[in-house]
């Protein structure tokens, strides 16, 4: 691209493209939501039938449907849970992940130095805000 095209034109193009993407994304998400809602209704009916029969699966010529369990957890009482972890020493309740927000705060307070044992990757991009 040459500098003959002004920055205003490039920024306007990005804004227009982003607006078009937003419209198309909204249309797509609305269409997909209808299908996902229909699929959920069919899944609920299959689950009802399996439970009614006392079965865990059903095999058909089109595929097999089976009951699956997904478990999610959240900390209800942080103090009690942390006391439990300290008492047992069982750190396997945690995942190895670092809080980027805290790293940024640490670096700001420590002259851009990283905490020992960490490395970071920064990716730069251009952000355009509509005026």
N, C-alpha and C. Protein backbone atom coordinates (compact mmCIF):
# COMPACT_ATOMS: atom_id res chain seq x y z
N UNK A 1 0.84 -1.17 0.00
CA UNK A 1 0.00 0.00 0.00
C UNK A 1 0.88 1.24 0.00
N UNK A 2 0.46 2.26 -0.68
CA UNK A 2 1.26 3.47 -0.74
C UNK A 2 0.69 4.51 0.20
N UNK A 3 1.49 5.53 0.48
CA UNK A 3 1.04 6.61 1.34
C UNK A 3 0.09 7.55 0.61
N UNK A 4 -0.16 7.29 -0.69
CA UNK A 4 -1.09 8.13 -1.45
C UNK A 4 -2.51 8.02 -0.90
N UNK A 5 -2.79 6.88 -0.29
CA UNK A 5 -4.09 6.70 0.35
C UNK A 5 -3.96 7.23 1.77
N UNK A 6 -4.82 8.17 2.12
CA UNK A 6 -4.73 8.80 3.43
C UNK A 6 -5.15 7.87 4.56
N UNK A 7 -4.63 8.16 5.76
CA UNK A 7 -4.98 7.37 6.94
C UNK A 7 -6.48 7.38 7.20
N UNK A 8 -7.11 8.52 6.92
CA UNK A 8 -8.55 8.63 7.16
C UNK A 8 -9.32 7.61 6.34
N UNK A 9 -8.88 7.37 5.13
CA UNK A 9 -9.54 6.40 4.27
C UNK A 9 -9.34 4.97 4.79
N UNK A 10 -8.14 4.69 5.26
CA UNK A 10 -7.85 3.36 5.80
C UNK A 10 -8.67 3.10 7.06
N UNK A 11 -8.71 4.11 7.96
CA UNK A 11 -9.47 3.96 9.20
C UNK A 11 -10.95 3.80 8.88
N UNK A 12 -11.48 4.59 7.95
CA UNK A 12 -12.89 4.47 7.56
C UNK A 12 -13.18 3.08 7.02
N UNK A 13 -12.25 2.53 6.23
CA UNK A 13 -12.44 1.19 5.66
C UNK A 13 -12.50 0.15 6.78
N UNK A 14 -11.62 0.28 7.78
CA UNK A 14 -11.63 -0.67 8.89
C UNK A 14 -12.94 -0.58 9.66
N UNK A 15 -13.40 0.64 9.92
CA UNK A 15 -14.66 0.84 10.65
C UNK A 15 -15.82 0.21 9.89
N UNK A 16 -15.88 0.43 8.58
CA UNK A 16 -16.97 -0.14 7.76
C UNK A 16 -16.91 -1.66 7.75
N UNK A 17 -15.71 -2.20 7.62
CA UNK A 17 -15.57 -3.67 7.62
C UNK A 17 -15.99 -4.25 8.96
N UNK A 18 -15.56 -3.61 10.03
CA UNK A 18 -15.92 -4.10 11.36
C UNK A 18 -17.43 -4.04 11.57
N UNK A 19 -18.09 -2.97 11.10
CA UNK A 19 -19.54 -2.87 11.22
C UNK A 19 -20.23 -3.96 10.42
N UNK A 20 -19.73 -4.25 9.23
CA UNK A 20 -20.33 -5.30 8.40
C UNK A 20 -20.15 -6.67 9.05
N UNK A 21 -18.96 -6.89 9.60
CA UNK A 21 -18.71 -8.14 10.32
C UNK A 21 -19.67 -8.28 11.48
N UNK A 22 -19.91 -7.18 12.22
CA UNK A 22 -20.83 -7.23 13.37
C UNK A 22 -22.24 -7.60 12.93
N UNK A 23 -22.69 -7.03 11.82
CA UNK A 23 -24.03 -7.33 11.31
C UNK A 23 -24.11 -8.79 10.90
N UNK A 24 -23.11 -9.26 10.16
CA UNK A 24 -23.12 -10.64 9.68
C UNK A 24 -23.01 -11.62 10.86
N UNK A 25 -22.20 -11.27 11.85
CA UNK A 25 -22.05 -12.13 13.01
C UNK A 25 -23.36 -12.24 13.78
N UNK A 26 -24.05 -11.11 13.94
CA UNK A 26 -25.33 -11.12 14.65
C UNK A 26 -26.35 -11.99 13.90
N UNK A 27 -26.41 -11.84 12.58
CA UNK A 27 -27.33 -12.65 11.78
C UNK A 27 -27.00 -14.14 11.93
N UNK A 28 -25.72 -14.45 11.86
CA UNK A 28 -25.28 -15.84 11.99
C UNK A 28 -25.65 -16.39 13.36
N UNK A 29 -25.33 -15.63 14.43
CA UNK A 29 -25.61 -16.10 15.78
C UNK A 29 -27.10 -16.31 16.02
N UNK A 30 -27.94 -15.45 15.44
CA UNK A 30 -29.39 -15.62 15.58
C UNK A 30 -29.86 -16.88 14.88
N UNK A 31 -29.33 -17.14 13.69
CA UNK A 31 -29.71 -18.34 12.94
C UNK A 31 -29.24 -19.60 13.66
N UNK A 32 -28.03 -19.58 14.16
CA UNK A 32 -27.47 -20.74 14.85
C UNK A 32 -28.22 -20.98 16.16
N UNK A 33 -28.64 -19.93 16.85
CA UNK A 33 -29.37 -20.07 18.11
C UNK A 33 -30.65 -20.87 17.91
N UNK A 34 -31.35 -20.63 16.82
CA UNK A 34 -32.58 -21.37 16.53
C UNK A 34 -32.28 -22.86 16.43
N UNK A 35 -31.23 -23.20 15.70
CA UNK A 35 -30.88 -24.61 15.52
C UNK A 35 -30.40 -25.22 16.83
N UNK A 36 -29.60 -24.47 17.59
CA UNK A 36 -29.12 -24.98 18.89
C UNK A 36 -30.28 -25.21 19.86
N UNK A 37 -31.25 -24.31 19.85
CA UNK A 37 -32.43 -24.50 20.71
C UNK A 37 -33.21 -25.75 20.31
N UNK A 38 -33.35 -25.97 19.00
CA UNK A 38 -34.03 -27.17 18.52
C UNK A 38 -33.26 -28.42 18.92
N UNK A 39 -31.93 -28.37 18.76
CA UNK A 39 -31.10 -29.52 19.12
C UNK A 39 -31.23 -29.81 20.61
N UNK A 40 -31.23 -28.77 21.44
CA UNK A 40 -31.36 -28.95 22.89
C UNK A 40 -32.69 -29.64 23.23
N UNK A 41 -33.76 -29.23 22.56
CA UNK A 41 -35.07 -29.84 22.82
C UNK A 41 -35.04 -31.33 22.48
N UNK A 42 -34.38 -31.69 21.39
CA UNK A 42 -34.27 -33.10 21.00
C UNK A 42 -33.40 -33.85 22.01
N UNK A 43 -32.31 -33.23 22.47
CA UNK A 43 -31.45 -33.88 23.46
C UNK A 43 -32.21 -34.12 24.77
N UNK A 44 -33.01 -33.15 25.19
CA UNK A 44 -33.81 -33.30 26.41
C UNK A 44 -34.78 -34.46 26.26
N UNK A 45 -35.40 -34.58 25.09
CA UNK A 45 -36.33 -35.68 24.86
C UNK A 45 -35.61 -37.03 24.88
N UNK A 46 -34.42 -37.10 24.26
CA UNK A 46 -33.66 -38.34 24.29
C UNK A 46 -33.26 -38.70 25.71
N UNK A 47 -32.83 -37.72 26.49
CA UNK A 47 -32.46 -37.97 27.88
C UNK A 47 -33.67 -38.47 28.67
N UNK A 48 -34.82 -37.86 28.45
CA UNK A 48 -36.05 -38.29 29.12
C UNK A 48 -36.34 -39.74 28.80
N UNK A 49 -36.25 -40.09 27.52
CA UNK A 49 -36.54 -41.48 27.10
C UNK A 49 -35.53 -42.47 27.69
N UNK A 50 -34.25 -42.10 27.67
CA UNK A 50 -33.24 -42.99 28.25
C UNK A 50 -33.48 -43.20 29.73
N UNK A 51 -33.77 -42.10 30.44
CA UNK A 51 -34.06 -42.21 31.88
C UNK A 51 -35.29 -43.06 32.14
N UNK A 52 -36.31 -42.88 31.32
CA UNK A 52 -37.56 -43.63 31.47
C UNK A 52 -37.30 -45.13 31.29
N UNK A 53 -36.40 -45.49 30.39
CA UNK A 53 -36.09 -46.90 30.13
C UNK A 53 -35.01 -47.43 31.08
N UNK A 54 -34.39 -46.53 31.85
CA UNK A 54 -33.28 -46.96 32.72
C UNK A 54 -32.06 -47.32 31.90
N UNK A 55 -31.93 -46.73 30.73
CA UNK A 55 -30.81 -47.02 29.84
C UNK A 55 -29.78 -45.90 29.90
N UNK A 56 -28.55 -46.20 29.49
CA UNK A 56 -27.52 -45.18 29.43
C UNK A 56 -27.17 -44.80 28.00
N UNK A 57 -27.71 -45.58 27.04
CA UNK A 57 -27.46 -45.27 25.64
C UNK A 57 -28.51 -45.89 24.75
N UNK A 58 -28.55 -45.39 23.53
CA UNK A 58 -29.40 -46.00 22.50
C UNK A 58 -28.63 -45.96 21.19
N UNK A 59 -28.59 -47.11 20.52
CA UNK A 59 -27.87 -47.21 19.25
C UNK A 59 -28.89 -47.21 18.11
N UNK A 60 -28.62 -46.41 17.10
CA UNK A 60 -29.49 -46.37 15.92
C UNK A 60 -28.61 -46.49 14.69
N UNK A 61 -29.25 -46.59 13.54
CA UNK A 61 -28.46 -46.66 12.31
C UNK A 61 -27.76 -45.33 12.03
N UNK A 62 -28.20 -44.24 12.67
CA UNK A 62 -27.63 -42.92 12.43
C UNK A 62 -26.56 -42.53 13.44
N UNK A 63 -26.47 -43.29 14.52
CA UNK A 63 -25.48 -42.99 15.54
C UNK A 63 -25.94 -43.49 16.90
N UNK A 64 -25.12 -43.25 17.90
CA UNK A 64 -25.40 -43.67 19.25
C UNK A 64 -25.56 -42.45 20.14
N UNK A 65 -26.63 -42.41 20.89
CA UNK A 65 -26.84 -41.34 21.88
C UNK A 65 -26.58 -41.96 23.24
N UNK A 66 -25.83 -41.25 24.08
CA UNK A 66 -25.55 -41.78 25.40
C UNK A 66 -25.57 -40.67 26.42
N UNK A 67 -25.83 -41.05 27.65
CA UNK A 67 -25.85 -40.08 28.75
C UNK A 67 -24.41 -39.77 29.14
N UNK A 68 -24.10 -38.51 29.19
CA UNK A 68 -22.77 -38.04 29.54
C UNK A 68 -22.89 -37.10 30.74
N UNK A 69 -21.88 -37.08 31.58
CA UNK A 69 -21.91 -36.20 32.74
C UNK A 69 -20.78 -35.19 32.64
N UNK A 70 -21.10 -33.93 32.84
CA UNK A 70 -20.11 -32.86 32.85
C UNK A 70 -20.18 -32.19 34.21
N UNK A 71 -19.07 -32.16 34.91
CA UNK A 71 -19.07 -31.57 36.25
C UNK A 71 -18.30 -30.26 36.23
N UNK A 72 -18.88 -29.25 36.84
CA UNK A 72 -18.23 -27.96 36.99
C UNK A 72 -18.12 -27.68 38.48
N UNK A 73 -17.09 -26.93 38.87
CA UNK A 73 -16.89 -26.63 40.29
C UNK A 73 -16.60 -25.15 40.46
N UNK A 74 -17.02 -24.64 41.59
CA UNK A 74 -16.65 -23.29 41.97
C UNK A 74 -16.42 -23.26 43.47
N UNK A 75 -15.63 -22.31 43.90
CA UNK A 75 -15.33 -22.21 45.33
C UNK A 75 -16.48 -21.48 46.01
N UNK A 76 -17.14 -22.16 46.94
CA UNK A 76 -18.27 -21.56 47.66
C UNK A 76 -17.80 -20.78 48.88
N UNK A 77 -16.74 -21.27 49.53
CA UNK A 77 -16.19 -20.60 50.70
C UNK A 77 -14.67 -20.68 50.59
N UNK A 78 -14.07 -19.60 50.12
CA UNK A 78 -12.62 -19.60 49.83
C UNK A 78 -11.79 -19.90 51.07
N UNK A 79 -12.13 -19.30 52.20
CA UNK A 79 -11.35 -19.50 53.43
C UNK A 79 -11.36 -20.97 53.85
N UNK A 80 -12.53 -21.59 53.83
CA UNK A 80 -12.65 -22.99 54.23
C UNK A 80 -11.88 -23.88 53.26
N UNK A 81 -12.02 -23.61 51.97
CA UNK A 81 -11.33 -24.43 50.97
C UNK A 81 -9.81 -24.28 51.10
N UNK A 82 -9.33 -23.05 51.25
CA UNK A 82 -7.88 -22.84 51.35
C UNK A 82 -7.33 -23.48 52.62
N UNK A 83 -8.08 -23.44 53.71
CA UNK A 83 -7.66 -24.13 54.94
C UNK A 83 -7.52 -25.63 54.67
N UNK A 84 -8.49 -26.20 53.96
CA UNK A 84 -8.45 -27.62 53.60
C UNK A 84 -7.21 -27.93 52.78
N UNK A 85 -6.91 -27.09 51.79
CA UNK A 85 -5.75 -27.32 50.92
C UNK A 85 -4.46 -27.23 51.74
N UNK A 86 -4.36 -26.24 52.63
CA UNK A 86 -3.17 -26.11 53.48
C UNK A 86 -3.01 -27.33 54.41
N UNK A 87 -4.12 -27.79 54.98
CA UNK A 87 -4.07 -28.93 55.89
C UNK A 87 -3.64 -30.21 55.19
N UNK A 88 -4.18 -30.42 53.99
CA UNK A 88 -3.88 -31.66 53.26
C UNK A 88 -2.62 -31.54 52.41
N UNK A 89 -2.25 -30.31 52.05
CA UNK A 89 -1.10 -30.12 51.16
C UNK A 89 -1.39 -30.58 49.74
N UNK A 90 -2.63 -30.81 49.42
CA UNK A 90 -3.03 -31.32 48.11
C UNK A 90 -3.23 -30.16 47.14
N UNK A 91 -2.21 -29.86 46.36
CA UNK A 91 -2.26 -28.76 45.41
C UNK A 91 -2.83 -29.17 44.05
N UNK A 92 -3.19 -30.44 43.91
CA UNK A 92 -3.74 -30.92 42.64
C UNK A 92 -5.13 -30.35 42.36
N UNK A 93 -5.70 -29.63 43.31
CA UNK A 93 -6.98 -28.98 43.05
C UNK A 93 -6.82 -27.77 42.13
N UNK A 94 -5.59 -27.37 41.91
CA UNK A 94 -5.32 -26.18 41.11
C UNK A 94 -4.71 -26.53 39.76
N UNK A 95 -4.94 -25.65 38.79
CA UNK A 95 -4.34 -25.81 37.47
C UNK A 95 -3.15 -24.86 37.36
N UNK A 96 -2.19 -25.23 36.54
CA UNK A 96 -1.02 -24.38 36.35
C UNK A 96 -1.37 -23.29 35.34
N UNK A 97 -1.65 -22.12 35.89
CA UNK A 97 -2.00 -20.99 35.05
C UNK A 97 -1.55 -19.74 35.78
N UNK A 98 -1.12 -18.76 35.07
CA UNK A 98 -0.64 -17.53 35.67
C UNK A 98 -1.61 -16.40 35.32
N UNK A 99 -1.90 -15.55 36.29
CA UNK A 99 -2.81 -14.42 36.09
C UNK A 99 -2.04 -13.28 35.42
N UNK A 100 -2.33 -13.03 34.15
CA UNK A 100 -1.63 -12.00 33.38
C UNK A 100 -1.85 -10.62 34.01
N UNK A 101 -3.04 -10.37 34.52
CA UNK A 101 -3.32 -9.08 35.14
C UNK A 101 -2.36 -8.84 36.31
N UNK A 102 -2.13 -9.85 37.11
CA UNK A 102 -1.23 -9.70 38.26
C UNK A 102 0.22 -9.53 37.80
N UNK A 103 0.61 -10.21 36.73
CA UNK A 103 1.96 -10.05 36.19
C UNK A 103 2.16 -8.59 35.77
N UNK A 104 1.17 -8.01 35.08
CA UNK A 104 1.28 -6.61 34.65
C UNK A 104 1.43 -5.69 35.85
N UNK A 105 0.65 -5.94 36.90
CA UNK A 105 0.74 -5.12 38.12
C UNK A 105 2.12 -5.26 38.74
N UNK A 106 2.62 -6.48 38.82
CA UNK A 106 3.95 -6.73 39.40
C UNK A 106 5.01 -5.99 38.60
N UNK A 107 4.95 -6.10 37.28
CA UNK A 107 5.95 -5.46 36.43
C UNK A 107 5.90 -3.94 36.58
N UNK A 108 4.70 -3.40 36.67
CA UNK A 108 4.55 -1.95 36.84
C UNK A 108 5.20 -1.49 38.14
N UNK A 109 5.04 -2.27 39.19
CA UNK A 109 5.59 -1.92 40.50
C UNK A 109 7.08 -2.24 40.62
N UNK A 110 7.62 -3.02 39.68
CA UNK A 110 9.01 -3.47 39.80
C UNK A 110 9.84 -3.14 38.56
N UNK A 111 9.62 -1.98 38.00
CA UNK A 111 10.45 -1.52 36.89
C UNK A 111 10.46 -2.43 35.69
N UNK A 112 9.31 -2.96 35.32
CA UNK A 112 9.15 -3.86 34.17
C UNK A 112 9.89 -5.19 34.30
N UNK A 113 10.33 -5.53 35.50
CA UNK A 113 10.96 -6.84 35.73
C UNK A 113 9.88 -7.90 35.89
N UNK A 114 10.14 -9.06 35.31
CA UNK A 114 9.24 -10.20 35.45
C UNK A 114 9.52 -10.93 36.76
N UNK A 115 8.49 -11.57 37.33
CA UNK A 115 8.77 -12.45 38.46
C UNK A 115 9.69 -13.59 37.98
N UNK A 116 10.55 -14.10 38.84
CA UNK A 116 11.46 -15.18 38.44
C UNK A 116 10.69 -16.39 37.91
N UNK A 117 11.25 -17.00 36.86
CA UNK A 117 10.68 -18.23 36.32
C UNK A 117 9.59 -18.03 35.28
N UNK A 118 9.29 -16.79 34.94
CA UNK A 118 8.25 -16.53 33.94
C UNK A 118 8.86 -15.95 32.68
N UNK A 119 8.20 -16.20 31.58
CA UNK A 119 8.50 -15.49 30.34
C UNK A 119 7.16 -15.05 29.77
N UNK A 120 7.17 -14.02 28.97
CA UNK A 120 5.92 -13.51 28.40
C UNK A 120 6.07 -13.36 26.90
N UNK A 121 4.96 -13.30 26.25
CA UNK A 121 4.89 -13.05 24.82
C UNK A 121 3.91 -11.92 24.61
N UNK A 122 4.33 -10.90 23.91
CA UNK A 122 3.44 -9.77 23.62
C UNK A 122 3.17 -9.75 22.12
N UNK A 123 1.93 -9.54 21.80
CA UNK A 123 1.52 -9.44 20.41
C UNK A 123 0.89 -8.06 20.23
N UNK A 124 1.34 -7.35 19.22
CA UNK A 124 0.86 -6.00 18.97
C UNK A 124 -0.05 -5.99 17.76
N UNK A 125 -1.09 -5.18 17.84
CA UNK A 125 -2.01 -5.00 16.73
C UNK A 125 -2.51 -3.58 16.77
N UNK A 126 -3.22 -3.18 15.74
CA UNK A 126 -3.80 -1.84 15.68
C UNK A 126 -5.26 -1.93 16.05
N UNK A 127 -5.70 -1.06 16.95
CA UNK A 127 -7.10 -1.00 17.32
C UNK A 127 -7.67 0.30 16.79
N UNK A 128 -8.84 0.22 16.19
CA UNK A 128 -9.50 1.41 15.65
C UNK A 128 -10.82 1.59 16.37
N UNK A 129 -11.04 2.79 16.88
CA UNK A 129 -12.31 3.11 17.53
C UNK A 129 -13.07 4.07 16.64
N UNK A 130 -14.34 3.82 16.51
CA UNK A 130 -15.19 4.70 15.71
C UNK A 130 -15.36 6.02 16.45
N UNK A 131 -15.29 7.14 15.70
CA UNK A 131 -15.46 8.44 16.34
C UNK A 131 -16.90 8.83 16.44
